[in-house]
Amino acid sequence: MMKEYLAIFFTHSGAIKFERKLKSSNINCELMPVPRKLSSNCGIGAKFLYAGDIHELMDEEVEKVYVIERNKYRLVYSEE
């Protein structure tokens, strides 16, 4: 089942690298400003749909990942 996620990053370059990685794997990804209530080190997030285990996509650039359910954000991954 496809779920919608929002990943946030430590750096702008990390967000861009993540977007390229997903697109090269044929996963649609859109960079966008991070909602203020979630905050972020760099302010750019990547919104994407994915049906698998998101831990497969993680790298050292990803700070946190939220699943978006009914317009609410639930933390599903944190580097901290």
C-alpha atoms as a PDB file:
ATOM      1  CA  MET A   1       0.000   0.000   0.000  1.00  0.00           C
ATOM      2  CA  MET A   2       1.387   3.373  -1.027  1.00  0.00           C
ATOM      3  CA  LYS A   3       1.932   5.863   1.746  1.00  0.00           C
ATOM      4  CA  GLU A   4       2.826   9.521   1.513  1.00  0.00           C
ATOM      5  CA  TYR A   5       5.994  10.623   3.321  1.00  0.00           C
ATOM      6  CA  LEU A   6       7.859  13.822   4.063  1.00  0.00           C
ATOM      7  CA  ALA A   7      11.598  13.568   4.639  1.00  0.00           C
ATOM      8  CA  ILE A   8      13.552  16.461   6.160  1.00  0.00           C
ATOM      9  CA  PHE A   9      17.302  16.934   5.927  1.00  0.00           C
ATOM     10  CA  PHE A  10      20.358  18.325   7.646  1.00  0.00           C
ATOM     11  CA  THR A  11      21.448  20.275   4.515  1.00  0.00           C
ATOM     12  CA  HIS A  12      20.049  21.613   1.228  1.00  0.00           C
ATOM     13  CA  SER A  13      22.505  19.474  -0.719  1.00  0.00           C
ATOM     14  CA  GLY A  14      21.276  16.402   1.166  1.00  0.00           C
ATOM     15  CA  ALA A  15      17.711  17.137   0.059  1.00  0.00           C
ATOM     16  CA  ILE A  16      18.791  17.485  -3.566  1.00  0.00           C
ATOM     17  CA  LYS A  17      20.834  14.250  -3.445  1.00  0.00           C
ATOM     18  CA  PHE A  18      17.859  12.401  -1.933  1.00  0.00           C
ATOM     19  CA  GLU A  19      15.528  13.701  -4.643  1.00  0.00           C
ATOM     20  CA  ARG A  20      17.945  12.517  -7.352  1.00  0.00           C
ATOM     21  CA  LYS A  21      18.290   9.112  -5.681  1.00  0.00           C
ATOM     22  CA  LEU A  22      14.529   8.596  -5.565  1.00  0.00           C
ATOM     23  CA  LYS A  23      13.974   9.816  -9.111  1.00  0.00           C
ATOM     24  CA  SER A  24      16.707   7.485 -10.394  1.00  0.00           C
ATOM     25  CA  SER A  25      14.718   4.653  -8.756  1.00  0.00           C
ATOM     26  CA  ASN A  26      11.522   5.849 -10.501  1.00  0.00           C
ATOM     27  CA  ILE A  27      10.026   7.149  -7.248  1.00  0.00           C
ATOM     28  CA  ASN A  28       8.232  10.444  -7.734  1.00  0.00           C
ATOM     29  CA  CYS A  29       9.629  13.037  -5.331  1.00  0.00           C
ATOM     30  CA  GLU A  30       8.863  16.733  -4.876  1.00  0.00           C
ATOM     31  CA  LEU A  31      11.038  19.160  -2.933  1.00  0.00           C
ATOM     32  CA  MET A  32       9.065  21.630  -0.841  1.00  0.00           C
ATOM     33  CA  PRO A  33       9.398  23.923   2.178  1.00  0.00           C
ATOM     34  CA  VAL A  34       9.149  22.060   5.492  1.00  0.00           C
ATOM     35  CA  PRO A  35       6.046  23.009   7.492  1.00  0.00           C
ATOM     36  CA  ARG A  36       7.100  25.351  10.299  1.00  0.00           C
ATOM     37  CA  LYS A  37       5.696  23.087  13.021  1.00  0.00           C
ATOM     38  CA  LEU A  38       8.081  20.299  11.980  1.00  0.00           C
ATOM     39  CA  SER A  39      11.109  22.571  11.617  1.00  0.00           C
ATOM     40  CA  SER A  40      14.312  21.475   9.977  1.00  0.00           C
ATOM     41  CA  ASN A  41      17.953  22.369   9.777  1.00  0.00           C
ATOM     42  CA  CYS A  42      17.736  23.317   6.117  1.00  0.00           C
ATOM     43  CA  GLY A  43      14.037  24.085   5.583  1.00  0.00           C
ATOM     44  CA  ILE A  44      13.639  21.856   2.516  1.00  0.00           C
ATOM     45  CA  GLY A  45      11.699  18.613   2.587  1.00  0.00           C
ATOM     46  CA  ALA A  46      11.056  15.843   0.074  1.00  0.00           C
ATOM     47  CA  LYS A  47       7.497  14.593  -0.317  1.00  0.00           C
ATOM     48  CA  PHE A  48       7.149  11.158  -1.900  1.00  0.00           C
ATOM     49  CA  LEU A  49       4.906   8.110  -2.219  1.00  0.00           C
ATOM     50  CA  TYR A  50       6.378   4.735  -1.320  1.00  0.00           C
ATOM     51  CA  ALA A  51       4.994   1.267  -0.672  1.00  0.00           C
ATOM     52  CA  GLY A  52       8.084  -0.439   0.741  1.00  0.00           C
ATOM     53  CA  ASP A  53      10.160  -0.119   3.893  1.00  0.00           C
ATOM     54  CA  ILE A  54      11.372   3.489   4.030  1.00  0.00           C
ATOM     55  CA  HIS A  55      14.477   2.419   5.936  1.00  0.00           C
ATOM     56  CA  GLU A  56      15.749   1.092   2.588  1.00  0.00           C
ATOM     57  CA  LEU A  57      15.869   4.691   1.332  1.00  0.00           C
ATOM     58  CA  MET A  58      17.626   6.282   4.310  1.00  0.00           C
ATOM     59  CA  ASP A  59      21.117   7.739   4.168  1.00  0.00           C
ATOM     60  CA  GLU A  60      23.220  10.030   6.361  1.00  0.00           C
ATOM     61  CA  GLU A  61      21.569  13.156   4.902  1.00  0.00           C
ATOM     62  CA  VAL A  62      18.069  12.339   6.198  1.00  0.00           C
ATOM     63  CA  GLU A  63      17.212  13.906   9.544  1.00  0.00           C
ATOM     64  CA  LYS A  64      13.600  12.713   9.976  1.00  0.00           C
ATOM     65  CA  VAL A  65      10.772  11.128   8.010  1.00  0.00           C
ATOM     66  CA  TYR A  66       7.082  11.612   8.670  1.00  0.00           C
ATOM     67  CA  VAL A  67       4.197   9.642   7.211  1.00  0.00           C
ATOM     68  CA  ILE A  68       1.341  11.934   6.195  1.00  0.00           C
ATOM     69  CA  GLU A  69      -2.048  10.583   7.265  1.00  0.00           C
ATOM     70  CA  ARG A  70      -5.230  12.656   7.042  1.00  0.00           C
ATOM     71  CA  ASN A  71      -3.194  15.877   6.798  1.00  0.00           C
ATOM     72  CA  LYS A  72      -1.291  15.036  10.006  1.00  0.00           C
ATOM     73  CA  TYR A  73       2.388  14.169  10.333  1.00  0.00           C
ATOM     74  CA  ARG A  74       3.530  11.109  12.293  1.00  0.00           C
ATOM     75  CA  LEU A  75       7.256  10.569  12.868  1.00  0.00           C
ATOM     76  CA  VAL A  76       8.414   7.192  11.511  1.00  0.00           C
ATOM     77  CA  TYR A  77      12.194   7.718  11.320  1.00  0.00           C
ATOM     78  CA  SER A  78      14.661   9.912  13.188  1.00  0.00           C
ATOM     79  CA  GLU A  79      18.442  10.046  12.961  1.00  0.00           C
ATOM     80  CA  GLU A  80      18.633  11.429  16.511  1.00  0.00           C
END
